PDB file of N, CA and C in Angstrom:
ATOM      1  N   MET A   1       0.828  -1.162   0.000  1.00  0.00           N
ATOM      2  CA  MET A   1       0.000   0.000   0.000  1.00  0.00           C
ATOM      3  C   MET A   1       0.889   1.248   0.000  1.00  0.00           C
ATOM      4  N   LYS A   2       0.582   2.204  -0.884  1.00  0.00           N
ATOM      5  CA  LYS A   2       1.368   3.433  -0.944  1.00  0.00           C
ATOM      6  C   LYS A   2       1.020   4.310   0.255  1.00  0.00           C
ATOM      7  N   LEU A   3       2.055   4.764   0.971  1.00  0.00           N
ATOM      8  CA  LEU A   3       1.849   5.565   2.169  1.00  0.00           C
ATOM      9  C   LEU A   3       2.227   7.029   1.980  1.00  0.00           C
ATOM     10  N   ILE A   4       3.283   7.284   1.238  1.00  0.00           N
ATOM     11  CA  ILE A   4       3.781   8.646   1.031  1.00  0.00           C
ATOM     12  C   ILE A   4       4.006   8.861  -0.459  1.00  0.00           C
ATOM     13  N   ASP A   5       3.584   9.997  -0.959  1.00  0.00           N
ATOM     14  CA  ASP A   5       3.826  10.384  -2.351  1.00  0.00           C
ATOM     15  C   ASP A   5       4.096  11.883  -2.319  1.00  0.00           C
ATOM     16  N   GLN A   6       5.363  12.262  -2.307  1.00  0.00           N
ATOM     17  CA  GLN A   6       5.778  13.653  -2.121  1.00  0.00           C
ATOM     18  C   GLN A   6       6.739  14.050  -3.231  1.00  0.00           C
ATOM     19  N   SER A   7       6.604  15.259  -3.737  1.00  0.00           N
ATOM     20  CA  SER A   7       7.575  15.719  -4.736  1.00  0.00           C
ATOM     21  C   SER A   7       8.018  17.144  -4.440  1.00  0.00           C
ATOM     22  N   TRP A   8       9.222  17.451  -4.904  1.00  0.00           N
ATOM     23  CA  TRP A   8       9.825  18.767  -4.758  1.00  0.00           C
ATOM     24  C   TRP A   8      10.298  19.219  -6.130  1.00  0.00           C
ATOM     25  N   THR A   9      10.167  20.507  -6.434  1.00  0.00           N
ATOM     26  CA  THR A   9      10.735  21.089  -7.638  1.00  0.00           C
ATOM     27  C   THR A   9      11.826  22.043  -7.189  1.00  0.00           C
ATOM     28  N   LEU A  10      13.044  21.777  -7.626  1.00  0.00           N
ATOM     29  CA  LEU A  10      14.193  22.592  -7.228  1.00  0.00           C
ATOM     30  C   LEU A  10      14.784  23.242  -8.464  1.00  0.00           C
ATOM     31  N   SER A  11      15.236  24.480  -8.311  1.00  0.00           N
ATOM     32  CA  SER A  11      15.794  25.195  -9.458  1.00  0.00           C
ATOM     33  C   SER A  11      17.127  25.834  -9.099  1.00  0.00           C
ATOM     34  N   THR A  12      17.732  26.495 -10.078  1.00  0.00           N
ATOM     35  CA  THR A  12      19.053  27.103  -9.916  1.00  0.00           C
ATOM     36  C   THR A  12      19.132  27.860  -8.597  1.00  0.00           C
ATOM     37  N   GLY A  13      20.178  27.602  -7.846  1.00  0.00           N
ATOM     38  CA  GLY A  13      20.387  28.250  -6.559  1.00  0.00           C
ATOM     39  C   GLY A  13      19.835  27.477  -5.375  1.00  0.00           C
ATOM     40  N   SER A  14      19.021  26.444  -5.606  1.00  0.00           N
ATOM     41  CA  SER A  14      18.458  25.639  -4.514  1.00  0.00           C
ATOM     42  C   SER A  14      19.543  24.805  -3.853  1.00  0.00           C
ATOM     43  N   THR A  15      19.384  24.584  -2.550  1.00  0.00           N
ATOM     44  CA  THR A  15      20.291  23.681  -1.847  1.00  0.00           C
ATOM     45  C   THR A  15      19.539  22.543  -1.168  1.00  0.00           C
ATOM     46  N   ALA A  16      18.284  22.780  -0.754  1.00  0.00           N
ATOM     47  CA  ALA A  16      17.516  21.714  -0.094  1.00  0.00           C
ATOM     48  C   ALA A  16      16.031  21.961  -0.285  1.00  0.00           C
ATOM     49  N   GLY A  17      15.283  20.859  -0.334  1.00  0.00           N
ATOM     50  CA  GLY A  17      13.833  20.954  -0.413  1.00  0.00           C
ATOM     51  C   GLY A  17      13.248  21.128   0.976  1.00  0.00           C
ATOM     52  N   THR A  18      11.986  21.476   1.039  1.00  0.00           N
ATOM     53  CA  THR A  18      11.263  21.641   2.292  1.00  0.00           C
ATOM     54  C   THR A  18      11.227  20.319   3.056  1.00  0.00           C
ATOM     55  N   VAL A  19      11.396  20.387   4.368  1.00  0.00           N
ATOM     56  CA  VAL A  19      11.346  19.194   5.217  1.00  0.00           C
ATOM     57  C   VAL A  19       9.896  18.712   5.297  1.00  0.00           C
ATOM     58  N   VAL A  20       9.704  17.394   5.123  1.00  0.00           N
ATOM     59  CA  VAL A  20       8.371  16.783   5.155  1.00  0.00           C
ATOM     60  C   VAL A  20       8.346  15.710   6.233  1.00  0.00           C
ATOM     61  N   ASN A  21       7.261  15.649   7.015  1.00  0.00           N
ATOM     62  CA  ASN A  21       7.099  14.633   8.045  1.00  0.00           C
ATOM     63  C   ASN A  21       6.442  13.400   7.442  1.00  0.00           C
ATOM     64  N   CYS A  22       7.138  12.273   7.479  1.00  0.00           N
ATOM     65  CA  CYS A  22       6.596  11.005   6.953  1.00  0.00           C
ATOM     66  C   CYS A  22       6.039  10.117   8.058  1.00  0.00           C
ATOM     67  N   PHE A  23       6.029  10.614   9.299  1.00  0.00           N
ATOM     68  CA  PHE A  23       5.376   9.941  10.417  1.00  0.00           C
ATOM     69  C   PHE A  23       5.885   8.539  10.722  1.00  0.00           C
ATOM     70  N   GLY A  24       7.127   8.237  10.358  1.00  0.00           N
ATOM     71  CA  GLY A  24       7.705   6.926  10.650  1.00  0.00           C
ATOM     72  C   GLY A  24       7.065   5.790   9.884  1.00  0.00           C
ATOM     73  N   MET A  25       6.447   6.089   8.739  1.00  0.00           N
ATOM     74  CA  MET A  25       5.753   5.060   7.972  1.00  0.00           C
ATOM     75  C   MET A  25       6.629   4.513   6.854  1.00  0.00           C
ATOM     76  N   GLY A  26       6.307   3.320   6.411  1.00  0.00           N
ATOM     77  CA  GLY A  26       6.913   2.754   5.221  1.00  0.00           C
ATOM     78  C   GLY A  26       8.015   1.756   5.455  1.00  0.00           C
ATOM     79  N   ASP A  27       8.061   0.758   4.589  1.00  0.00           N
ATOM     80  CA  ASP A  27       9.097  -0.267   4.615  1.00  0.00           C
ATOM     81  C   ASP A  27      10.101  -0.066   3.487  1.00  0.00           C
ATOM     82  N   GLN A  28       9.612   0.339   2.325  1.00  0.00           N
ATOM     83  CA  GLN A  28      10.431   0.495   1.123  1.00  0.00           C
ATOM     84  C   GLN A  28      10.198   1.883   0.529  1.00  0.00           C
ATOM     85  N   SER A  29      11.270   2.533   0.095  1.00  0.00           N
ATOM     86  CA  SER A  29      11.143   3.860  -0.506  1.00  0.00           C
ATOM     87  C   SER A  29      11.940   3.942  -1.794  1.00  0.00           C
ATOM     88  N   MET A  30      11.425   4.754  -2.706  1.00  0.00           N
ATOM     89  CA  MET A  30      12.131   5.065  -3.947  1.00  0.00           C
ATOM     90  C   MET A  30      12.145   6.578  -4.104  1.00  0.00           C
ATOM     91  N   VAL A  31      13.292   7.105  -4.510  1.00  0.00           N
ATOM     92  CA  VAL A  31      13.419   8.521  -4.821  1.00  0.00           C
ATOM     93  C   VAL A  31      13.771   8.631  -6.295  1.00  0.00           C
ATOM     94  N   TYR A  32      13.025   9.444  -7.007  1.00  0.00           N
ATOM     95  CA  TYR A  32      13.261   9.703  -8.424  1.00  0.00           C
ATOM     96  C   TYR A  32      13.855  11.106  -8.548  1.00  0.00           C
ATOM     97  N   VAL A  33      14.930  11.243  -9.306  1.00  0.00           N
ATOM     98  CA  VAL A  33      15.531  12.543  -9.580  1.00  0.00           C
ATOM     99  C   VAL A  33      15.483  12.743 -11.087  1.00  0.00           C
ATOM    100  N   GLU A  34      14.699  13.714 -11.533  1.00  0.00           N
ATOM    101  CA  GLU A  34      14.508  13.936 -12.955  1.00  0.00           C
ATOM    102  C   GLU A  34      14.969  15.338 -13.342  1.00  0.00           C
ATOM    103  N   CYS A  35      15.802  15.417 -14.352  1.00  0.00           N
ATOM    104  CA  CYS A  35      16.266  16.700 -14.877  1.00  0.00           C
ATOM    105  C   CYS A  35      15.471  17.054 -16.122  1.00  0.00           C
ATOM    106  N   ASP A  36      14.911  18.255 -16.136  1.00  0.00           N
ATOM    107  CA  ASP A  36      14.195  18.744 -17.322  1.00  0.00           C
ATOM    108  C   ASP A  36      15.191  19.045 -18.432  1.00  0.00           C
ATOM    109  N   ALA A  37      14.676  19.359 -19.614  1.00  0.00           N
ATOM    110  CA  ALA A  37      15.529  19.724 -20.742  1.00  0.00           C
ATOM    111  C   ALA A  37      16.413  20.911 -20.366  1.00  0.00           C
ATOM    112  N   GLY A  38      17.693  20.783 -20.624  1.00  0.00           N
ATOM    113  CA  GLY A  38      18.643  21.852 -20.335  1.00  0.00           C
ATOM    114  C   GLY A  38      19.019  21.983 -18.872  1.00  0.00           C
ATOM    115  N   SER A  39      18.664  20.997 -18.044  1.00  0.00           N
ATOM    116  CA  SER A  39      18.944  21.054 -16.607  1.00  0.00           C
ATOM    117  C   SER A  39      20.021  20.065 -16.204  1.00  0.00           C
ATOM    118  N   SER A  40      20.590  20.290 -15.032  1.00  0.00           N
ATOM    119  CA  SER A  40      21.587  19.366 -14.488  1.00  0.00           C
ATOM    120  C   SER A  40      21.694  19.569 -12.983  1.00  0.00           C
ATOM    121  N   VAL A  41      22.261  18.586 -12.312  1.00  0.00           N
ATOM    122  CA  VAL A  41      22.572  18.693 -10.888  1.00  0.00           C
ATOM    123  C   VAL A  41      23.878  17.940 -10.668  1.00  0.00           C
ATOM    124  N   ASN A  42      24.806  18.546  -9.909  1.00  0.00           N
ATOM    125  CA  ASN A  42      26.111  17.927  -9.677  1.00  0.00           C
ATOM    126  C   ASN A  42      26.030  16.740  -8.730  1.00  0.00           C
ATOM    127  N   ALA A  43      25.206  16.851  -7.703  1.00  0.00           N
ATOM    128  CA  ALA A  43      25.049  15.762  -6.737  1.00  0.00           C
ATOM    129  C   ALA A  43      23.735  15.959  -5.995  1.00  0.00           C
ATOM    130  N   MET A  44      23.149  14.859  -5.530  1.00  0.00           N
ATOM    131  CA  MET A  44      21.906  14.925  -4.780  1.00  0.00           C
ATOM    132  C   MET A  44      21.933  13.893  -3.667  1.00  0.00           C
ATOM    133  N   GLN A  45      21.560  14.317  -2.463  1.00  0.00           N
ATOM    134  CA  GLN A  45      21.439  13.407  -1.330  1.00  0.00           C
ATOM    135  C   GLN A  45      19.991  13.443  -0.850  1.00  0.00           C
ATOM    136  N   PHE A  46      19.509  12.309  -0.362  1.00  0.00           N
ATOM    137  CA  PHE A  46      18.203  12.265   0.270  1.00  0.00           C
ATOM    138  C   PHE A  46      18.464  12.014   1.736  1.00  0.00           C
ATOM    139  N   GLU A  47      17.932  12.887   2.597  1.00  0.00           N
ATOM    140  CA  GLU A  47      18.279  12.865   4.018  1.00  0.00           C
ATOM    141  C   GLU A  47      17.051  12.642   4.897  1.00  0.00           C
ATOM    142  N   THR A  48      17.289  12.090   6.090  1.00  0.00           N
ATOM    143  CA  THR A  48      16.228  11.895   7.074  1.00  0.00           C
ATOM    144  C   THR A  48      16.730  12.283   8.461  1.00  0.00           C
ATOM    145  N   ALA A  49      15.779  12.610   9.341  1.00  0.00           N
ATOM    146  CA  ALA A  49      16.104  13.001  10.716  1.00  0.00           C
ATOM    147  C   ALA A  49      14.941  12.619  11.633  1.00  0.00           C
ATOM    148  N   LEU A  50      15.194  12.645  12.930  1.00  0.00           N
ATOM    149  CA  LEU A  50      14.140  12.355  13.901  1.00  0.00           C
ATOM    150  C   LEU A  50      13.284  13.577  14.210  1.00  0.00           C
ATOM    151  N   SER A  51      13.798  14.783  13.894  1.00  0.00           N
ATOM    152  CA  SER A  51      13.028  16.008  14.101  1.00  0.00           C
ATOM    153  C   SER A  51      13.221  16.932  12.905  1.00  0.00           C
ATOM    154  N   ALA A  52      12.307  17.857  12.708  1.00  0.00           N
ATOM    155  CA  ALA A  52      12.345  18.746  11.545  1.00  0.00           C
ATOM    156  C   ALA A  52      13.606  19.605  11.506  1.00  0.00           C
ATOM    157  N   GLY A  53      14.189  19.885  12.669  1.00  0.00           N
ATOM    158  CA  GLY A  53      15.384  20.717  12.723  1.00  0.00           C
ATOM    159  C   GLY A  53      16.690  19.955  12.569  1.00  0.00           C
ATOM    160  N   GLY A  54      16.606  18.632  12.412  1.00  0.00           N
ATOM    161  CA  GLY A  54      17.819  17.829  12.254  1.00  0.00           C
ATOM    162  C   GLY A  54      18.405  17.449  13.597  1.00  0.00           C
ATOM    163  N   PRO A  55      19.614  16.912  13.585  1.00  0.00           N
ATOM    164  CA  PRO A  55      20.525  16.777  12.456  1.00  0.00           C
ATOM    165  C   PRO A  55      20.044  15.712  11.457  1.00  0.00           C
ATOM    166  N   PHE A  56      20.425  15.910  10.189  1.00  0.00           N
ATOM    167  CA  PHE A  56      20.022  15.030   9.105  1.00  0.00           C
ATOM    168  C   PHE A  56      21.152  14.076   8.727  1.00  0.00           C
ATOM    169  N   ALA A  57      20.768  12.861   8.337  1.00  0.00           N
ATOM    170  CA  ALA A  57      21.722  11.856   7.853  1.00  0.00           C
ATOM    171  C   ALA A  57      21.321  11.456   6.443  1.00  0.00           C
ATOM    172  N   THR A  58      22.302  11.191   5.601  1.00  0.00           N
ATOM    173  CA  THR A  58      22.049  10.780   4.223  1.00  0.00           C
ATOM    174  C   THR A  58      21.675   9.302   4.178  1.00  0.00           C
ATOM    175  N   VAL A  59      20.537   8.987   3.517  1.00  0.00           N
ATOM    176  CA  VAL A  59      20.133   7.590   3.358  1.00  0.00           C
ATOM    177  C   VAL A  59      20.356   7.098   1.926  1.00  0.00           C
ATOM    178  N   ALA A  60      20.485   8.036   0.978  1.00  0.00           N
ATOM    179  CA  ALA A  60      20.748   7.674  -0.421  1.00  0.00           C
ATOM    180  C   ALA A  60      21.344   8.885  -1.123  1.00  0.00           C
ATOM    181  N   SER A  61      22.181   8.629  -2.133  1.00  0.00           N
ATOM    182  CA  SER A  61      22.776   9.742  -2.883  1.00  0.00           C
ATOM    183  C   SER A  61      23.072   9.308  -4.315  1.00  0.00           C
ATOM    184  N   THR A  62      23.211  10.308  -5.176  1.00  0.00           N
ATOM    185  CA  THR A  62      23.557  10.046  -6.565  1.00  0.00           C
ATOM    186  C   THR A  62      24.479  11.150  -7.064  1.00  0.00           C
ATOM    187  N   SER A  63      25.280  10.821  -8.042  1.00  0.00           N
ATOM    188  CA  SER A  63      26.210  11.800  -8.614  1.00  0.00           C
ATOM    189  C   SER A  63      25.524  12.578  -9.729  1.00  0.00           C
ATOM    190  N   ALA A  64      26.295  13.219 -10.562  1.00  0.00           N
ATOM    191  CA  ALA A  64      25.786  14.118 -11.595  1.00  0.00           C
ATOM    192  C   ALA A  64      24.669  13.504 -12.438  1.00  0.00           C
ATOM    193  N   THR A  65      23.655  14.305 -12.676  1.00  0.00           N
ATOM    194  CA  THR A  65      22.535  13.949 -13.520  1.00  0.00           C
ATOM    195  C   THR A  65      22.332  15.095 -14.496  1.00  0.00           C
ATOM    196  N   THR A  66      22.085  14.784 -15.746  1.00  0.00           N
ATOM    197  CA  THR A  66      21.993  15.831 -16.758  1.00  0.00           C
ATOM    198  C   THR A  66      20.669  15.791 -17.514  1.00  0.00           C
ATOM    199  N   THR A  67      20.550  16.648 -18.502  1.00  0.00           N
ATOM    200  CA  THR A  67      19.346  16.855 -19.299  1.00  0.00           C
ATOM    201  C   THR A  67      18.605  15.569 -19.648  1.00  0.00           C
ATOM    202  N   ASN A  68      17.286  15.604 -19.422  1.00  0.00           N
ATOM    203  CA  ASN A  68      16.381  14.498 -19.754  1.00  0.00           C
ATOM    204  C   ASN A  68      16.836  13.155 -19.207  1.00  0.00           C
ATOM    205  N   THR A  69      17.331  13.156 -17.979  1.00  0.00           N
ATOM    206  CA  THR A  69      17.803  11.942 -17.323  1.00  0.00           C
ATOM    207  C   THR A  69      16.983  11.693 -16.069  1.00  0.00           C
ATOM    208  N   LEU A  70      16.742  10.427 -15.767  1.00  0.00           N
ATOM    209  CA  LEU A  70      16.046  10.040 -14.542  1.00  0.00           C
ATOM    210  C   LEU A  70      16.951   9.112 -13.757  1.00  0.00           C
ATOM    211  N   ARG A  71      17.179   9.431 -12.485  1.00  0.00           N
ATOM    212  CA  ARG A  71      17.930   8.549 -11.577  1.00  0.00           C
ATOM    213  C   ARG A  71      16.965   8.030 -10.529  1.00  0.00           C
ATOM    214  N   ILE A  72      17.166   6.784 -10.106  1.00  0.00           N
ATOM    215  CA  ILE A  72      16.316   6.185  -9.082  1.00  0.00           C
ATOM    216  C   ILE A  72      17.188   5.661  -7.951  1.00  0.00           C
ATOM    217  N   MET A  73      16.782   5.976  -6.726  1.00  0.00           N
ATOM    218  CA  MET A  73      17.471   5.479  -5.530  1.00  0.00           C
ATOM    219  C   MET A  73      16.445   4.715  -4.696  1.00  0.00           C
ATOM    220  N   GLN A  74      16.841   3.551  -4.179  1.00  0.00           N
ATOM    221  CA  GLN A  74      15.953   2.748  -3.350  1.00  0.00           C
ATOM    222  C   GLN A  74      16.600   2.520  -1.993  1.00  0.00           C
ATOM    223  N   PHE A  75      15.764   2.484  -0.953  1.00  0.00           N
ATOM    224  CA  PHE A  75      16.269   2.192   0.391  1.00  0.00           C
ATOM    225  C   PHE A  75      15.125   1.687   1.258  1.00  0.00           C
ATOM    226  N   THR A  76      15.469   1.117   2.403  1.00  0.00           N
ATOM    227  CA  THR A  76      14.479   0.525   3.302  1.00  0.00           C
ATOM    228  C   THR A  76      14.373   1.339   4.582  1.00  0.00           C
ATOM    229  N   GLY A  77      13.381   0.982   5.357  1.00  0.00           N
ATOM    230  CA  GLY A  77      13.243   1.560   6.684  1.00  0.00           C
ATOM    231  C   GLY A  77      12.156   2.612   6.780  1.00  0.00           C
ATOM    232  N   PRO A  78      11.578   2.749   7.934  1.00  0.00           N
ATOM    233  CA  PRO A  78      10.616   3.820   8.132  1.00  0.00           C
ATOM    234  C   PRO A  78      11.333   5.176   8.126  1.00  0.00           C
ATOM    235  N   LEU A  79      10.629   6.192   7.670  1.00  0.00           N
ATOM    236  CA  LEU A  79      11.184   7.541   7.591  1.00  0.00           C
ATOM    237  C   LEU A  79      10.426   8.473   8.532  1.00  0.00           C
ATOM    238  N   TYR A  80      11.128   9.422   9.099  1.00  0.00           N
ATOM    239  CA  TYR A  80      10.474  10.451   9.900  1.00  0.00           C
ATOM    240  C   TYR A  80      10.480  11.750   9.105  1.00  0.00           C
ATOM    241  N   TYR A  81      11.388  12.622   9.365  1.00  0.00           N
ATOM    242  CA  TYR A  81      11.468  13.870   8.601  1.00  0.00           C
ATOM    243  C   TYR A  81      12.455  13.683   7.453  1.00  0.00           C
ATOM    244  N   VAL A  82      12.085  14.117   6.262  1.00  0.00           N
ATOM    245  CA  VAL A  82      12.920  13.905   5.083  1.00  0.00           C
ATOM    246  C   VAL A  82      13.056  15.183   4.270  1.00  0.00           C
ATOM    247  N   ARG A  83      14.126  15.226   3.466  1.00  0.00           N
ATOM    248  CA  ARG A  83      14.325  16.321   2.514  1.00  0.00           C
ATOM    249  C   ARG A  83      15.362  15.905   1.487  1.00  0.00           C
ATOM    250  N   PRO A  84      15.266  16.455   0.275  1.00  0.00           N
ATOM    251  CA  PRO A  84      16.348  16.284  -0.682  1.00  0.00           C
ATOM    252  C   PRO A  84      17.343  17.420  -0.496  1.00  0.00           C
ATOM    253  N   ARG A  85      18.628  17.140  -0.669  1.00  0.00           N
ATOM    254  CA  ARG A  85      19.671  18.177  -0.634  1.00  0.00           C
ATOM    255  C   ARG A  85      20.438  18.067  -1.945  1.00  0.00           C
ATOM    256  N   VAL A  86      20.636  19.207  -2.598  1.00  0.00           N
ATOM    257  CA  VAL A  86      21.264  19.211  -3.916  1.00  0.00           C
ATOM    258  C   VAL A  86      22.465  20.141  -3.954  1.00  0.00           C
ATOM    259  N   GLN A  87      23.356  19.858  -4.890  1.00  0.00           N
ATOM    260  CA  GLN A  87      24.529  20.702  -5.119  1.00  0.00           C
ATOM    261  C   GLN A  87      24.618  21.006  -6.606  1.00  0.00           C
ATOM    262  N   GLY A  88      24.736  22.267  -6.934  1.00  0.00           N
ATOM    263  CA  GLY A  88      24.966  22.670  -8.320  1.00  0.00           C
ATOM    264  C   GLY A  88      23.809  22.461  -9.263  1.00  0.00           C
ATOM    265  N   VAL A  89      22.599  22.889  -8.872  1.00  0.00           N
ATOM    266  CA  VAL A  89      21.450  22.759  -9.762  1.00  0.00           C
ATOM    267  C   VAL A  89      21.523  23.826 -10.844  1.00  0.00           C
ATOM    268  N   GLY A  90      21.350  23.396 -12.086  1.00  0.00           N
ATOM    269  CA  GLY A  90      21.221  24.314 -13.208  1.00  0.00           C
ATOM    270  C   GLY A  90      19.904  24.029 -13.882  1.00  0.00           C
ATOM    271  N   GLY A  91      19.021  25.000 -13.989  1.00  0.00           N
ATOM    272  CA  GLY A  91      17.706  24.766 -14.556  1.00  0.00           C
ATOM    273  C   GLY A  91      16.744  24.280 -13.490  1.00  0.00           C
ATOM    274  N   THR A  92      15.876  23.325 -13.843  1.00  0.00           N
ATOM    275  CA  THR A  92      14.873  22.823 -12.911  1.00  0.00           C
ATOM    276  C   THR A  92      14.936  21.301 -12.844  1.00  0.00           C
ATOM    277  N   ILE A  93      14.930  20.772 -11.615  1.00  0.00           N
ATOM    278  CA  ILE A  93      14.868  19.321 -11.427  1.00  0.00           C
ATOM    279  C   ILE A  93      13.668  18.995 -10.541  1.00  0.00           C
ATOM    280  N   THR A  94      13.162  17.783 -10.685  1.00  0.00           N
ATOM    281  CA  THR A  94      12.069  17.308  -9.847  1.00  0.00           C
ATOM    282  C   THR A  94      12.582  16.107  -9.059  1.00  0.00           C
ATOM    283  N   VAL A  95      12.317  16.119  -7.752  1.00  0.00           N
ATOM    284  CA  VAL A  95      12.668  15.015  -6.872  1.00  0.00           C
ATOM    285  C   VAL A  95      11.358  14.472  -6.297  1.00  0.00           C
ATOM    286  N   ALA A  96      11.117  13.175  -6.429  1.00  0.00           N
ATOM    287  CA  ALA A  96       9.886  12.579  -5.941  1.00  0.00           C
ATOM    288  C   ALA A  96      10.203  11.408  -5.023  1.00  0.00           C
ATOM    289  N   LEU A  97       9.464  11.313  -3.918  1.00  0.00           N
ATOM    290  CA  LEU A  97       9.588  10.210  -2.961  1.00  0.00           C
ATOM    291  C   LEU A  97       8.297   9.420  -2.980  1.00  0.00           C
ATOM    292  N   VAL A  98       8.413   8.103  -3.116  1.00  0.00           N
ATOM    293  CA  VAL A  98       7.271   7.191  -3.002  1.00  0.00           C
ATOM    294  C   VAL A  98       7.660   6.140  -1.983  1.00  0.00           C
ATOM    295  N   THR A  99       6.827   6.002  -0.944  1.00  0.00           N
ATOM    296  CA  THR A  99       7.092   5.056   0.138  1.00  0.00           C
ATOM    297  C   THR A  99       5.923   4.084   0.257  1.00  0.00           C
ATOM    298  N   TYR A 100       6.264   2.799   0.351  1.00  0.00           N
ATOM    299  CA  TYR A 100       5.262   1.744   0.461  1.00  0.00           C
ATOM    300  C   TYR A 100       5.427   1.007   1.785  1.00  0.00           C
ATOM    301  N   GLY A 101       4.335   0.404   2.242  1.00  0.00           N
ATOM    302  CA  GLY A 101       4.383  -0.395   3.449  1.00  0.00           C
ATOM    303  C   GLY A 101       3.313  -1.474   3.410  1.00  0.00           C
ATOM    304  N   ALA A 102       3.378  -2.360   4.379  1.00  0.00           N
ATOM    305  CA  ALA A 102       2.371  -3.437   4.476  1.00  0.00           C
ATOM    306  C   ALA A 102       1.044  -2.849   4.906  1.00  0.00           C
ATOM    307  N   ASP A 103      -0.013  -3.541   4.558  1.00  0.00           N
ATOM    308  CA  ASP A 103      -1.368  -3.092   4.959  1.00  0.00           C
ATOM    309  C   ASP A 103      -1.503  -3.108   6.459  1.00  0.00           C
TER     310      ASP A 103
END
């Protein structure tokens, strides 16, 4: 059963997406990082914490992604507070989190 479906749109100058509370739900998660035409990102980390103010730890990361490319990261475990963190965004990228769990 899908429990969380959250997306962020990040553009030039962005460093992190808004922190979202996932309420400790989910067994399996996937993060999609998609670069629009003419966009790129040097690096992207997906982070989680026990509180909205952190400290945050990286649960998944990917290196450079360029125009019209989709990267997928998978990881396990329940999530509490989450956010994407990016370095070197040029143009616009979309980061989406989908978390599933047992009924």
